[in-house]
Amino acid sequence: MRSYKLLLLLFLFIGCDEDATISNPISSDSIKYESNFRSSSDNGNGVNKYYVIIEWDEYTKEDFLSYDILDNDNTLIGTFSDSQTTSATVNLDLNEFKIISLRVNRNDGVESINQINIFTRHIYPITGFSVDATSERNSLSWISSDDSDIITTIVYRAALQSGASLPVIDDSDGFPNNSIWSEIMDYNGVITEYIDEEIISTPNYYYLIKIVDTSGSYRFSNIISNIPGAVEGSTIEYNLALTESSPTSSLRTSFVWNDYSSTDFFEYQIFKNESDNSFVINEDDIPIAKIVNSIIDNFQDYDVGEGRKYYYRIRLYNVYGNYIDSEVLTCTTY
């Protein structure tokens, strides 16, 4: 019995030598870094007019050199040498859409490059624009913009004969077509009403408002008329079709549409639903994005999860306040 105990003690002594280790085949160097590159939940896509805050996950390996933020043409926007820096502010123009990249530089080369499409919003327009018309005056009223930095309000008027085509804005460097529109009021500040008494009975009158912020950027309103039904009857004859595009991934959905090239374009509004594949847009629903540039015909949504279905509709508005809705598009992440 003693010999067995001795052999057991010798085995334990040899087996527990201080140089002995338990092997681990998983090395931290073999784990791919995932940046989770995204826009900030508080100051991300479409929240502000002139900037977007972006965020990413920290790179924790010892071979770290720097983070680079790159423009879509690989122009360097910023470099950060502290690995614990995980956010940055990207300055943009008004309602600008831009693809930017996050590059992680390490001692032996580049670890990864991830992209995201970021965008700013436009100036919040006036709303509730209406006219109370009599034979002597046209009384205009509206609700002011939600932006607090509006410094100028300008009212334009078009006087057209009955039967003439509806006027369009035809924006040229911030001015509507001067062969159609005349400026009738320029006010330094914010107002919500105007009375036009310089009218005669023959023409049909149309009105347009421009607001300007402290940066000199501007936004036009929709067009209204003193003739009941004049602009409300301008239906949009267009089939707005959405198509899922690649690469949809675990990090984003992506889709395109046939852009609307008519001169009466006002804006696109993009709506999202996470459960109803036949949802209807209600008046109190909030769009995830508004696009006032008619040539933009695609969108990427990064506020998604893995293995999920998301449902989208686009509402297209013309300058007369009329709209059409697309059919629902289903996008699936993996």
C-alpha atoms as a PDB file:
ATOM      1  CA  MET A   1       0.000   0.000   0.000  1.00  0.00           C
ATOM      2  CA  ARG A   2       2.847   2.411   0.781  1.00  0.00           C
ATOM      3  CA  SER A   3       4.402   1.867  -2.647  1.00  0.00           C
ATOM      4  CA  TYR A   4       1.136   2.911  -4.340  1.00  0.00           C
ATOM      5  CA  LYS A   5       1.006   6.096  -2.224  1.00  0.00           C
ATOM      6  CA  LEU A   6       4.600   6.880  -3.123  1.00  0.00           C
ATOM      7  CA  LEU A   7       3.934   6.470  -6.843  1.00  0.00           C
ATOM      8  CA  LEU A   8       0.851   8.688  -6.576  1.00  0.00           C
ATOM      9  CA  LEU A   9       2.795  11.421  -4.785  1.00  0.00           C
ATOM     10  CA  LEU A  10       5.550  11.281  -7.401  1.00  0.00           C
ATOM     11  CA  PHE A  11       2.944  11.578 -10.190  1.00  0.00           C
ATOM     12  CA  LEU A  12       1.291  14.594  -8.558  1.00  0.00           C
ATOM     13  CA  PHE A  13       4.621  16.254  -7.942  1.00  0.00           C
ATOM     14  CA  ILE A  14       5.754  15.836 -11.528  1.00  0.00           C
ATOM     15  CA  GLY A  15       2.352  16.731 -12.990  1.00  0.00           C
ATOM     16  CA  CYS A  16       2.097  19.980 -11.007  1.00  0.00           C
ATOM     17  CA  ASP A  17       5.492  21.332 -11.957  1.00  0.00           C
ATOM     18  CA  GLU A  18       5.411  25.149 -12.043  1.00  0.00           C
ATOM     19  CA  ASP A  19       6.332  25.191 -15.746  1.00  0.00           C
ATOM     20  CA  ALA A  20       3.319  23.107 -16.736  1.00  0.00           C
ATOM     21  CA  THR A  21       0.387  25.011 -18.305  1.00  0.00           C
ATOM     22  CA  ILE A  22      -3.013  24.267 -19.733  1.00  0.00           C
ATOM     23  CA  SER A  23      -2.885  25.083 -23.469  1.00  0.00           C
ATOM     24  CA  ASN A  24      -5.441  27.504 -24.982  1.00  0.00           C
ATOM     25  CA  PRO A  25      -5.712  27.232 -28.774  1.00  0.00           C
ATOM     26  CA  ILE A  26      -7.667  30.543 -29.072  1.00  0.00           C
ATOM     27  CA  SER A  27      -5.370  33.537 -29.376  1.00  0.00           C
ATOM     28  CA  SER A  28      -6.539  37.114 -29.009  1.00  0.00           C
ATOM     29  CA  ASP A  29      -4.638  37.851 -32.220  1.00  0.00           C
ATOM     30  CA  SER A  30      -6.946  35.496 -34.126  1.00  0.00           C
ATOM     31  CA  ILE A  31     -10.112  37.312 -33.043  1.00  0.00           C
ATOM     32  CA  LYS A  32     -11.180  39.768 -35.750  1.00  0.00           C
ATOM     33  CA  TYR A  33     -11.899  43.286 -34.555  1.00  0.00           C
ATOM     34  CA  GLU A  34     -15.473  44.461 -35.178  1.00  0.00           C
ATOM     35  CA  SER A  35     -15.764  48.234 -34.953  1.00  0.00           C
ATOM     36  CA  ASN A  36     -19.574  48.445 -34.792  1.00  0.00           C
ATOM     37  CA  PHE A  37     -19.149  51.699 -36.720  1.00  0.00           C
ATOM     38  CA  ARG A  38     -22.320  53.765 -36.257  1.00  0.00           C
ATOM     39  CA  SER A  39     -23.842  57.189 -35.826  1.00  0.00           C
ATOM     40  CA  SER A  40     -24.528  58.409 -32.310  1.00  0.00           C
ATOM     41  CA  SER A  41     -27.971  57.682 -30.897  1.00  0.00           C
ATOM     42  CA  ASP A  42     -28.187  61.268 -29.594  1.00  0.00           C
ATOM     43  CA  ASN A  43     -26.492  63.292 -32.345  1.00  0.00           C
ATOM     44  CA  GLY A  44     -26.425  60.903 -35.253  1.00  0.00           C
ATOM     45  CA  ASN A  45     -28.038  60.747 -38.665  1.00  0.00           C
ATOM     46  CA  GLY A  46     -30.586  63.428 -39.409  1.00  0.00           C
ATOM     47  CA  VAL A  47     -30.548  65.027 -35.952  1.00  0.00           C
ATOM     48  CA  ASN A  48     -28.514  68.151 -36.705  1.00  0.00           C
ATOM     49  CA  LYS A  49     -28.156  70.440 -39.706  1.00  0.00           C
ATOM     50  CA  TYR A  50     -24.396  70.716 -39.999  1.00  0.00           C
ATOM     51  CA  TYR A  51     -22.733  67.768 -38.250  1.00  0.00           C
ATOM     52  CA  VAL A  52     -23.046  64.122 -37.255  1.00  0.00           C
ATOM     53  CA  ILE A  53     -21.360  62.452 -34.290  1.00  0.00           C
ATOM     54  CA  ILE A  54     -20.099  58.972 -35.106  1.00  0.00           C
ATOM     55  CA  GLU A  55     -19.081  56.218 -32.685  1.00  0.00           C
ATOM     56  CA  TRP A  56     -17.203  52.920 -32.744  1.00  0.00           C
ATOM     57  CA  ASP A  57     -16.004  50.216 -30.368  1.00  0.00           C
ATOM     58  CA  GLU A  58     -12.523  50.432 -28.848  1.00  0.00           C
ATOM     59  CA  TYR A  59      -9.678  48.489 -30.448  1.00  0.00           C
ATOM     60  CA  THR A  60      -7.990  46.755 -27.503  1.00  0.00           C
ATOM     61  CA  LYS A  61      -5.011  44.927 -29.020  1.00  0.00           C
ATOM     62  CA  GLU A  62      -1.464  46.082 -28.221  1.00  0.00           C
ATOM     63  CA  ASP A  63      -0.496  46.673 -31.865  1.00  0.00           C
ATOM     64  CA  PHE A  64      -2.760  49.751 -32.136  1.00  0.00           C
ATOM     65  CA  LEU A  65      -1.395  52.868 -33.848  1.00  0.00           C
ATOM     66  CA  SER A  66      -4.355  55.102 -34.709  1.00  0.00           C
ATOM     67  CA  TYR A  67      -7.896  55.480 -35.982  1.00  0.00           C
ATOM     68  CA  ASP A  68      -8.455  57.339 -39.271  1.00  0.00           C
ATOM     69  CA  ILE A  69     -11.759  58.830 -40.415  1.00  0.00           C
ATOM     70  CA  LEU A  70     -11.858  59.053 -44.218  1.00  0.00           C
ATOM     71  CA  ASP A  71     -14.099  60.818 -46.708  1.00  0.00           C
ATOM     72  CA  ASN A  72     -15.708  58.832 -49.516  1.00  0.00           C
ATOM     73  CA  ASP A  73     -12.790  59.794 -51.785  1.00  0.00           C
ATOM     74  CA  ASN A  74     -10.286  58.622 -49.096  1.00  0.00           C
ATOM     75  CA  THR A  75      -9.518  62.181 -48.011  1.00  0.00           C
ATOM     76  CA  LEU A  76      -8.453  62.162 -44.370  1.00  0.00           C
ATOM     77  CA  ILE A  77     -11.023  63.841 -42.101  1.00  0.00           C
ATOM     78  CA  GLY A  78      -9.304  63.122 -38.774  1.00  0.00           C
ATOM     79  CA  THR A  79      -6.755  60.903 -37.005  1.00  0.00           C
ATOM     80  CA  PHE A  80      -6.906  59.729 -33.363  1.00  0.00           C
ATOM     81  CA  SER A  81      -3.889  58.158 -31.679  1.00  0.00           C
ATOM     82  CA  ASP A  82      -5.619  57.250 -28.402  1.00  0.00           C
ATOM     83  CA  SER A  83      -7.241  53.814 -28.660  1.00  0.00           C
ATOM     84  CA  GLN A  84      -9.831  54.851 -26.074  1.00  0.00           C
ATOM     85  CA  THR A  85     -11.157  57.589 -28.364  1.00  0.00           C
ATOM     86  CA  THR A  86     -14.382  56.098 -29.703  1.00  0.00           C
ATOM     87  CA  SER A  87     -16.309  59.040 -31.155  1.00  0.00           C
ATOM     88  CA  ALA A  88     -15.784  61.960 -33.513  1.00  0.00           C
ATOM     89  CA  THR A  89     -17.724  64.854 -35.021  1.00  0.00           C
ATOM     90  CA  VAL A  90     -17.984  65.022 -38.813  1.00  0.00           C
ATOM     91  CA  ASN A  91     -19.001  68.399 -40.236  1.00  0.00           C
ATOM     92  CA  LEU A  92     -21.340  68.338 -43.233  1.00  0.00           C
ATOM     93  CA  ASP A  93     -23.387  70.717 -45.322  1.00  0.00           C
ATOM     94  CA  LEU A  94     -27.127  71.084 -44.957  1.00  0.00           C
ATOM     95  CA  ASN A  95     -29.005  67.821 -45.709  1.00  0.00           C
ATOM     96  CA  GLU A  96     -25.795  66.256 -47.041  1.00  0.00           C
ATOM     97  CA  PHE A  97     -25.413  62.486 -47.448  1.00  0.00           C
ATOM     98  CA  LYS A  98     -21.880  61.120 -47.334  1.00  0.00           C
ATOM     99  CA  ILE A  99     -20.197  57.723 -47.039  1.00  0.00           C
ATOM    100  CA  ILE A 100     -17.289  57.825 -44.577  1.00  0.00           C
ATOM    101  CA  SER A 101     -14.882  55.125 -43.418  1.00  0.00           C
ATOM    102  CA  LEU A 102     -13.194  54.147 -40.163  1.00  0.00           C
ATOM    103  CA  ARG A 103      -9.700  52.709 -40.616  1.00  0.00           C
ATOM    104  CA  VAL A 104      -7.716  51.095 -37.806  1.00  0.00           C
ATOM    105  CA  ASN A 105      -3.941  51.370 -38.279  1.00  0.00           C
ATOM    106  CA  ARG A 106      -1.702  48.908 -36.450  1.00  0.00           C
ATOM    107  CA  ASN A 107       2.024  48.154 -36.338  1.00  0.00           C
ATOM    108  CA  ASP A 108       1.968  45.623 -39.173  1.00  0.00           C
ATOM    109  CA  GLY A 109      -0.618  47.304 -41.367  1.00  0.00           C
ATOM    110  CA  VAL A 110      -4.343  48.082 -41.535  1.00  0.00           C
ATOM    111  CA  GLU A 111      -6.646  45.987 -39.361  1.00  0.00           C
ATOM    112  CA  SER A 112      -9.991  46.824 -40.938  1.00  0.00           C
ATOM    113  CA  ILE A 113     -11.992  49.416 -42.816  1.00  0.00           C
ATOM    114  CA  ASN A 114     -15.695  49.906 -42.137  1.00  0.00           C
ATOM    115  CA  GLN A 115     -18.087  52.296 -43.862  1.00  0.00           C
ATOM    116  CA  ILE A 116     -21.240  54.128 -42.908  1.00  0.00           C
ATOM    117  CA  ASN A 117     -23.541  56.521 -44.773  1.00  0.00           C
ATOM    118  CA  ILE A 118     -24.173  59.583 -42.607  1.00  0.00           C
ATOM    119  CA  PHE A 119     -26.465  62.520 -43.271  1.00  0.00           C
ATOM    120  CA  THR A 120     -27.668  65.799 -41.835  1.00  0.00           C
ATOM    121  CA  ARG A 121     -31.178  67.196 -41.902  1.00  0.00           C
ATOM    122  CA  HIS A 122     -32.498  70.246 -43.690  1.00  0.00           C
ATOM    123  CA  ILE A 123     -33.923  73.370 -42.053  1.00  0.00           C
ATOM    124  CA  TYR A 124     -37.277  72.627 -40.504  1.00  0.00           C
ATOM    125  CA  PRO A 125     -39.797  74.327 -42.801  1.00  0.00           C
ATOM    126  CA  ILE A 126     -42.773  76.382 -41.794  1.00  0.00           C
ATOM    127  CA  THR A 127     -45.974  74.329 -41.497  1.00  0.00           C
ATOM    128  CA  GLY A 128     -49.706  74.956 -41.576  1.00  0.00           C
ATOM    129  CA  PHE A 129     -49.354  77.501 -44.380  1.00  0.00           C
ATOM    130  CA  SER A 130     -52.835  78.824 -45.320  1.00  0.00           C
ATOM    131  CA  VAL A 131     -54.629  81.820 -46.812  1.00  0.00           C
ATOM    132  CA  ASP A 132     -57.896  83.489 -45.886  1.00  0.00           C
ATOM    133  CA  ALA A 133     -58.986  85.222 -49.088  1.00  0.00           C
ATOM    134  CA  THR A 134     -61.475  88.062 -49.640  1.00  0.00           C
ATOM    135  CA  SER A 135     -61.975  90.463 -52.535  1.00  0.00           C
ATOM    136  CA  GLU A 136     -59.859  93.077 -50.720  1.00  0.00           C
ATOM    137  CA  ARG A 137     -57.008  91.129 -49.142  1.00  0.00           C
ATOM    138  CA  ASN A 138     -55.317  87.763 -48.798  1.00  0.00           C
ATOM    139  CA  SER A 139     -54.405  87.031 -45.189  1.00  0.00           C
ATOM    140  CA  LEU A 140     -51.556  84.509 -44.889  1.00  0.00           C
ATOM    141  CA  SER A 141     -50.729  82.577 -41.721  1.00  0.00           C
ATOM    142  CA  TRP A 142     -48.365  79.760 -40.816  1.00  0.00           C
ATOM    143  CA  ILE A 143     -46.549  78.014 -37.976  1.00  0.00           C
ATOM    144  CA  SER A 144     -42.909  79.038 -37.648  1.00  0.00           C
ATOM    145  CA  SER A 145     -39.991  76.665 -38.130  1.00  0.00           C
ATOM    146  CA  ASP A 146     -38.882  74.543 -35.172  1.00  0.00           C
ATOM    147  CA  ASP A 147     -35.341  75.854 -35.693  1.00  0.00           C
ATOM    148  CA  SER A 148     -34.358  78.571 -33.227  1.00  0.00           C
ATOM    149  CA  ASP A 149     -31.766  80.257 -35.481  1.00  0.00           C
ATOM    150  CA  ILE A 150     -34.069  81.614 -38.199  1.00  0.00           C
ATOM    151  CA  ILE A 151     -33.189  85.274 -38.837  1.00  0.00           C
ATOM    152  CA  THR A 152     -35.063  86.169 -42.041  1.00  0.00           C
ATOM    153  CA  THR A 153     -38.552  85.520 -43.423  1.00  0.00           C
ATOM    154  CA  ILE A 154     -39.345  86.388 -47.056  1.00  0.00           C
ATOM    155  CA  VAL A 155     -42.753  86.200 -48.746  1.00  0.00           C
ATOM    156  CA  TYR A 156     -43.086  85.775 -52.520  1.00  0.00           C
ATOM    157  CA  ARG A 157     -46.173  86.100 -54.691  1.00  0.00           C
ATOM    158  CA  ALA A 158     -47.065  84.909 -58.187  1.00  0.00           C
ATOM    159  CA  ALA A 159     -50.026  86.418 -60.074  1.00  0.00           C
ATOM    160  CA  LEU A 160     -51.205  84.157 -62.904  1.00  0.00           C
ATOM    161  CA  GLN A 161     -54.196  84.213 -65.157  1.00  0.00           C
ATOM    162  CA  SER A 162     -56.888  81.609 -64.691  1.00  0.00           C
ATOM    163  CA  GLY A 163     -56.031  78.462 -66.641  1.00  0.00           C
ATOM    164  CA  ALA A 164     -52.269  78.994 -66.477  1.00  0.00           C
ATOM    165  CA  SER A 165     -50.043  76.151 -65.324  1.00  0.00           C
ATOM    166  CA  LEU A 166     -49.312  75.989 -61.628  1.00  0.00           C
ATOM    167  CA  PRO A 167     -46.118  77.829 -60.682  1.00  0.00           C
ATOM    168  CA  VAL A 168     -43.036  75.940 -59.495  1.00  0.00           C
ATOM    169  CA  ILE A 169     -40.209  77.291 -57.358  1.00  0.00           C
ATOM    170  CA  ASP A 170     -37.389  76.699 -59.867  1.00  0.00           C
ATOM    171  CA  ASP A 171     -34.788  77.479 -57.205  1.00  0.00           C
ATOM    172  CA  SER A 172     -31.668  79.265 -58.469  1.00  0.00           C
ATOM    173  CA  ASP A 173     -29.091  79.957 -55.733  1.00  0.00           C
ATOM    174  CA  GLY A 174     -31.809  80.639 -53.196  1.00  0.00           C
ATOM    175  CA  PHE A 175     -34.151  82.645 -55.407  1.00  0.00           C
ATOM    176  CA  PRO A 176     -37.359  81.421 -57.029  1.00  0.00           C
ATOM    177  CA  ASN A 177     -37.840  82.062 -60.730  1.00  0.00           C
ATOM    178  CA  ASN A 178     -38.096  85.866 -60.987  1.00  0.00           C
ATOM    179  CA  SER A 179     -40.218  85.659 -64.130  1.00  0.00           C
ATOM    180  CA  ILE A 180     -42.925  84.056 -61.983  1.00  0.00           C
ATOM    181  CA  TRP A 181     -42.340  85.222 -58.410  1.00  0.00           C
ATOM    182  CA  SER A 182     -42.100  88.711 -56.899  1.00  0.00           C
ATOM    183  CA  GLU A 183     -40.817  89.446 -53.411  1.00  0.00           C
ATOM    184  CA  ILE A 184     -43.504  91.277 -51.428  1.00  0.00           C
ATOM    185  CA  MET A 185     -42.049  91.172 -47.914  1.00  0.00           C
ATOM    186  CA  ASP A 186     -38.584  90.747 -46.356  1.00  0.00           C
ATOM    187  CA  TYR A 187     -38.610  90.611 -42.569  1.00  0.00           C
ATOM    188  CA  ASN A 188     -35.574  90.412 -40.283  1.00  0.00           C
ATOM    189  CA  GLY A 189     -36.755  87.792 -37.831  1.00  0.00           C
ATOM    190  CA  VAL A 190     -39.587  85.319 -37.376  1.00  0.00           C
ATOM    191  CA  ILE A 191     -43.211  86.158 -38.120  1.00  0.00           C
ATOM    192  CA  THR A 192     -46.267  83.961 -38.622  1.00  0.00           C
ATOM    193  CA  GLU A 193     -48.646  86.104 -40.653  1.00  0.00           C
ATOM    194  CA  TYR A 194     -48.809  88.571 -43.501  1.00  0.00           C
ATOM    195  CA  ILE A 195     -51.687  90.491 -45.117  1.00  0.00           C
ATOM    196  CA  ASP A 196     -51.467  91.151 -48.835  1.00  0.00           C
ATOM    197  CA  GLU A 197     -53.738  94.070 -49.730  1.00  0.00           C
ATOM    198  CA  GLU A 198     -52.168  94.896 -53.091  1.00  0.00           C
ATOM    199  CA  ILE A 199     -54.421  92.601 -55.081  1.00  0.00           C
ATOM    200  CA  ILE A 200     -56.955  92.887 -57.883  1.00  0.00           C
ATOM    201  CA  SER A 201     -59.764  90.547 -58.818  1.00  0.00           C
ATOM    202  CA  THR A 202     -58.453  89.172 -62.119  1.00  0.00           C
ATOM    203  CA  PRO A 203     -55.341  87.027 -61.386  1.00  0.00           C
ATOM    204  CA  ASN A 204     -55.039  83.885 -59.316  1.00  0.00           C
ATOM    205  CA  TYR A 205     -52.498  84.495 -56.561  1.00  0.00           C
ATOM    206  CA  TYR A 206     -49.943  82.014 -55.279  1.00  0.00           C
ATOM    207  CA  TYR A 207     -47.677  82.435 -52.260  1.00  0.00           C
ATOM    208  CA  LEU A 208     -44.323  81.052 -51.195  1.00  0.00           C
ATOM    209  CA  ILE A 209     -42.205  81.660 -48.075  1.00  0.00           C
ATOM    210  CA  LYS A 210     -38.450  81.380 -47.641  1.00  0.00           C
ATOM    211  CA  ILE A 211     -36.760  81.265 -44.245  1.00  0.00           C
ATOM    212  CA  VAL A 212     -33.029  81.815 -43.687  1.00  0.00           C
ATOM    213  CA  ASP A 213     -30.899  80.720 -40.717  1.00  0.00           C
ATOM    214  CA  THR A 214     -27.775  82.263 -39.173  1.00  0.00           C
ATOM    215  CA  SER A 215     -25.520  80.280 -41.516  1.00  0.00           C
ATOM    216  CA  GLY A 216     -27.221  81.728 -44.564  1.00  0.00           C
ATOM    217  CA  SER A 217     -28.937  78.457 -45.434  1.00  0.00           C
ATOM    218  CA  TYR A 218     -32.552  78.606 -46.516  1.00  0.00           C
ATOM    219  CA  ARG A 219     -35.700  76.545 -46.932  1.00  0.00           C
ATOM    220  CA  PHE A 220     -38.757  77.204 -49.070  1.00  0.00           C
ATOM    221  CA  SER A 221     -42.279  76.386 -47.989  1.00  0.00           C
ATOM    222  CA  ASN A 222     -44.918  74.625 -50.026  1.00  0.00           C
ATOM    223  CA  ILE A 223     -47.015  76.756 -52.404  1.00  0.00           C
ATOM    224  CA  ILE A 224     -50.542  77.878 -51.551  1.00  0.00           C
ATOM    225  CA  SER A 225     -53.194  79.841 -53.466  1.00  0.00           C
ATOM    226  CA  ASN A 226     -56.109  82.141 -52.754  1.00  0.00           C
ATOM    227  CA  ILE A 227     -58.200  80.016 -55.146  1.00  0.00           C
ATOM    228  CA  PRO A 228     -59.747  77.046 -53.286  1.00  0.00           C
ATOM    229  CA  GLY A 229     -58.607  73.720 -54.766  1.00  0.00           C
ATOM    230  CA  ALA A 230     -56.074  75.291 -57.143  1.00  0.00           C
ATOM    231  CA  VAL A 231     -53.058  73.478 -55.700  1.00  0.00           C
ATOM    232  CA  GLU A 232     -54.841  70.685 -53.843  1.00  0.00           C
ATOM    233  CA  GLY A 233     -55.953  69.170 -57.141  1.00  0.00           C
ATOM    234  CA  SER A 234     -52.414  68.699 -58.463  1.00  0.00           C
ATOM    235  CA  THR A 235     -52.130  64.945 -58.084  1.00  0.00           C
ATOM    236  CA  ILE A 236     -48.783  63.147 -58.448  1.00  0.00           C
ATOM    237  CA  GLU A 237     -48.896  60.723 -61.368  1.00  0.00           C
ATOM    238  CA  TYR A 238     -45.962  58.524 -60.445  1.00  0.00           C
ATOM    239  CA  ASN A 239     -45.229  54.963 -59.353  1.00  0.00           C
ATOM    240  CA  LEU A 240     -42.677  55.161 -56.555  1.00  0.00           C
ATOM    241  CA  ALA A 241     -41.029  51.719 -56.332  1.00  0.00           C
ATOM    242  CA  LEU A 242     -38.508  50.556 -53.689  1.00  0.00           C
ATOM    243  CA  THR A 243     -36.000  47.755 -54.265  1.00  0.00           C
ATOM    244  CA  GLU A 244     -33.722  46.113 -51.698  1.00  0.00           C
ATOM    245  CA  SER A 245     -30.098  46.489 -52.732  1.00  0.00           C
ATOM    246  CA  SER A 246     -26.895  44.774 -51.741  1.00  0.00           C
ATOM    247  CA  PRO A 247     -24.979  44.597 -49.621  1.00  0.00           C
ATOM    248  CA  THR A 248     -27.604  44.240 -46.902  1.00  0.00           C
ATOM    249  CA  SER A 249     -25.795  42.741 -43.920  1.00  0.00           C
ATOM    250  CA  SER A 250     -26.055  42.212 -40.180  1.00  0.00           C
ATOM    251  CA  LEU A 251     -25.134  45.877 -39.727  1.00  0.00           C
ATOM    252  CA  ARG A 252     -27.461  47.645 -42.174  1.00  0.00           C
ATOM    253  CA  THR A 253     -30.308  47.497 -44.641  1.00  0.00           C
ATOM    254  CA  SER A 254     -30.048  49.161 -48.027  1.00  0.00           C
ATOM    255  CA  PHE A 255     -32.559  50.058 -50.728  1.00  0.00           C
ATOM    256  CA  VAL A 256     -33.008  52.202 -53.814  1.00  0.00           C
ATOM    257  CA  TRP A 257     -35.941  53.766 -55.667  1.00  0.00           C
ATOM    258  CA  ASN A 258     -36.755  55.344 -59.008  1.00  0.00           C
ATOM    259  CA  ASP A 259     -36.041  59.028 -58.458  1.00  0.00           C
ATOM    260  CA  TYR A 260     -38.736  61.630 -59.119  1.00  0.00           C
ATOM    261  CA  SER A 261     -37.451  64.199 -61.613  1.00  0.00           C
ATOM    262  CA  SER A 262     -40.470  66.504 -61.918  1.00  0.00           C
ATOM    263  CA  THR A 263     -39.971  70.222 -61.172  1.00  0.00           C
ATOM    264  CA  ASP A 264     -42.680  70.138 -58.492  1.00  0.00           C
ATOM    265  CA  PHE A 265     -40.583  67.896 -56.186  1.00  0.00           C
ATOM    266  CA  PHE A 266     -40.500  68.962 -52.525  1.00  0.00           C
ATOM    267  CA  GLU A 267     -39.138  66.094 -50.396  1.00  0.00           C
ATOM    268  CA  TYR A 268     -38.947  62.374 -49.667  1.00  0.00           C
ATOM    269  CA  GLN A 269     -39.847  61.088 -46.207  1.00  0.00           C
ATOM    270  CA  ILE A 270     -38.682  57.592 -45.216  1.00  0.00           C
ATOM    271  CA  PHE A 271     -40.704  55.602 -42.690  1.00  0.00           C
ATOM    272  CA  LYS A 272     -39.786  52.359 -40.939  1.00  0.00           C
ATOM    273  CA  ASN A 273     -41.760  49.678 -39.099  1.00  0.00           C
ATOM    274  CA  GLU A 274     -40.280  46.712 -37.257  1.00  0.00           C
ATOM    275  CA  SER A 275     -43.352  44.467 -37.051  1.00  0.00           C
ATOM    276  CA  ASP A 276     -46.060  45.277 -39.603  1.00  0.00           C
ATOM    277  CA  ASN A 277     -45.372  44.293 -43.219  1.00  0.00           C
ATOM    278  CA  SER A 278     -48.411  46.234 -44.440  1.00  0.00           C
ATOM    279  CA  PHE A 279     -48.200  49.325 -42.234  1.00  0.00           C
ATOM    280  CA  VAL A 280     -49.904  52.570 -43.177  1.00  0.00           C
ATOM    281  CA  ILE A 281     -48.252  55.937 -42.563  1.00  0.00           C
ATOM    282  CA  ASN A 282     -50.209  57.921 -39.988  1.00  0.00           C
ATOM    283  CA  GLU A 283     -50.071  61.687 -39.633  1.00  0.00           C
ATOM    284  CA  ASP A 284     -48.276  61.490 -36.274  1.00  0.00           C
ATOM    285  CA  ASP A 285     -45.630  59.011 -37.484  1.00  0.00           C
ATOM    286  CA  ILE A 286     -42.088  60.384 -37.482  1.00  0.00           C
ATOM    287  CA  PRO A 287     -39.899  59.611 -40.523  1.00  0.00           C
ATOM    288  CA  ILE A 288     -36.402  58.267 -39.958  1.00  0.00           C
ATOM    289  CA  ALA A 289     -35.099  60.558 -42.706  1.00  0.00           C
ATOM    290  CA  LYS A 290     -36.155  63.452 -44.932  1.00  0.00           C
ATOM    291  CA  ILE A 291     -34.452  64.089 -48.256  1.00  0.00           C
ATOM    292  CA  VAL A 292     -34.909  67.360 -50.151  1.00  0.00           C
ATOM    293  CA  ASN A 293     -32.516  66.552 -53.010  1.00  0.00           C
ATOM    294  CA  SER A 294     -34.498  64.841 -55.759  1.00  0.00           C
ATOM    295  CA  ILE A 295     -31.459  63.136 -57.299  1.00  0.00           C
ATOM    296  CA  ILE A 296     -30.805  61.040 -54.173  1.00  0.00           C
ATOM    297  CA  ASP A 297     -32.317  57.639 -54.867  1.00  0.00           C
ATOM    298  CA  ASN A 298     -30.912  55.338 -52.176  1.00  0.00           C
ATOM    299  CA  PHE A 299     -30.787  54.927 -48.412  1.00  0.00           C
ATOM    300  CA  GLN A 300     -28.912  52.813 -45.855  1.00  0.00           C
ATOM    301  CA  ASP A 301     -30.322  52.194 -42.388  1.00  0.00           C
ATOM    302  CA  TYR A 302     -27.719  51.288 -39.757  1.00  0.00           C
ATOM    303  CA  ASP A 303     -30.137  51.212 -36.843  1.00  0.00           C
ATOM    304  CA  VAL A 304     -30.797  47.484 -37.239  1.00  0.00           C
ATOM    305  CA  GLY A 305     -30.106  44.160 -35.508  1.00  0.00           C
ATOM    306  CA  GLU A 306     -28.928  40.776 -36.721  1.00  0.00           C
ATOM    307  CA  GLY A 307     -31.376  38.321 -38.278  1.00  0.00           C
ATOM    308  CA  ARG A 308     -34.307  40.757 -38.378  1.00  0.00           C
ATOM    309  CA  LYS A 309     -36.921  41.932 -40.851  1.00  0.00           C
ATOM    310  CA  TYR A 310     -37.626  45.641 -41.313  1.00  0.00           C
ATOM    311  CA  TYR A 311     -40.363  47.292 -43.343  1.00  0.00           C
ATOM    312  CA  TYR A 312     -40.050  50.612 -45.173  1.00  0.00           C
ATOM    313  CA  ARG A 313     -42.230  53.072 -47.062  1.00  0.00           C
ATOM    314  CA  ILE A 314     -41.336  56.361 -48.748  1.00  0.00           C
ATOM    315  CA  ARG A 315     -43.724  59.290 -48.936  1.00  0.00           C
ATOM    316  CA  LEU A 316     -43.106  61.710 -51.804  1.00  0.00           C
ATOM    317  CA  TYR A 317     -44.357  65.298 -51.438  1.00  0.00           C
ATOM    318  CA  ASN A 318     -44.701  67.896 -54.182  1.00  0.00           C
ATOM    319  CA  VAL A 319     -44.492  71.656 -53.629  1.00  0.00           C
ATOM    320  CA  TYR A 320     -48.271  71.924 -53.419  1.00  0.00           C
ATOM    321  CA  GLY A 321     -48.484  69.763 -50.302  1.00  0.00           C
ATOM    322  CA  ASN A 322     -49.765  66.644 -52.062  1.00  0.00           C
ATOM    323  CA  TYR A 323     -48.154  63.241 -51.650  1.00  0.00           C
ATOM    324  CA  ILE A 324     -48.048  59.610 -52.708  1.00  0.00           C
ATOM    325  CA  ASP A 325     -46.770  56.587 -50.764  1.00  0.00           C
ATOM    326  CA  SER A 326     -44.695  53.702 -52.048  1.00  0.00           C
ATOM    327  CA  GLU A 327     -45.565  50.088 -51.395  1.00  0.00           C
ATOM    328  CA  VAL A 328     -43.957  48.459 -48.340  1.00  0.00           C
ATOM    329  CA  LEU A 329     -40.448  47.084 -48.865  1.00  0.00           C
ATOM    330  CA  THR A 330     -39.156  44.245 -46.673  1.00  0.00           C
ATOM    331  CA  CYS A 331     -35.425  44.173 -45.875  1.00  0.00           C
ATOM    332  CA  THR A 332     -33.798  41.297 -44.008  1.00  0.00           C
ATOM    333  CA  THR A 333     -30.507  41.348 -42.112  1.00  0.00           C
ATOM    334  CA  TYR A 334     -28.483  38.197 -41.542  1.00  0.00           C
END
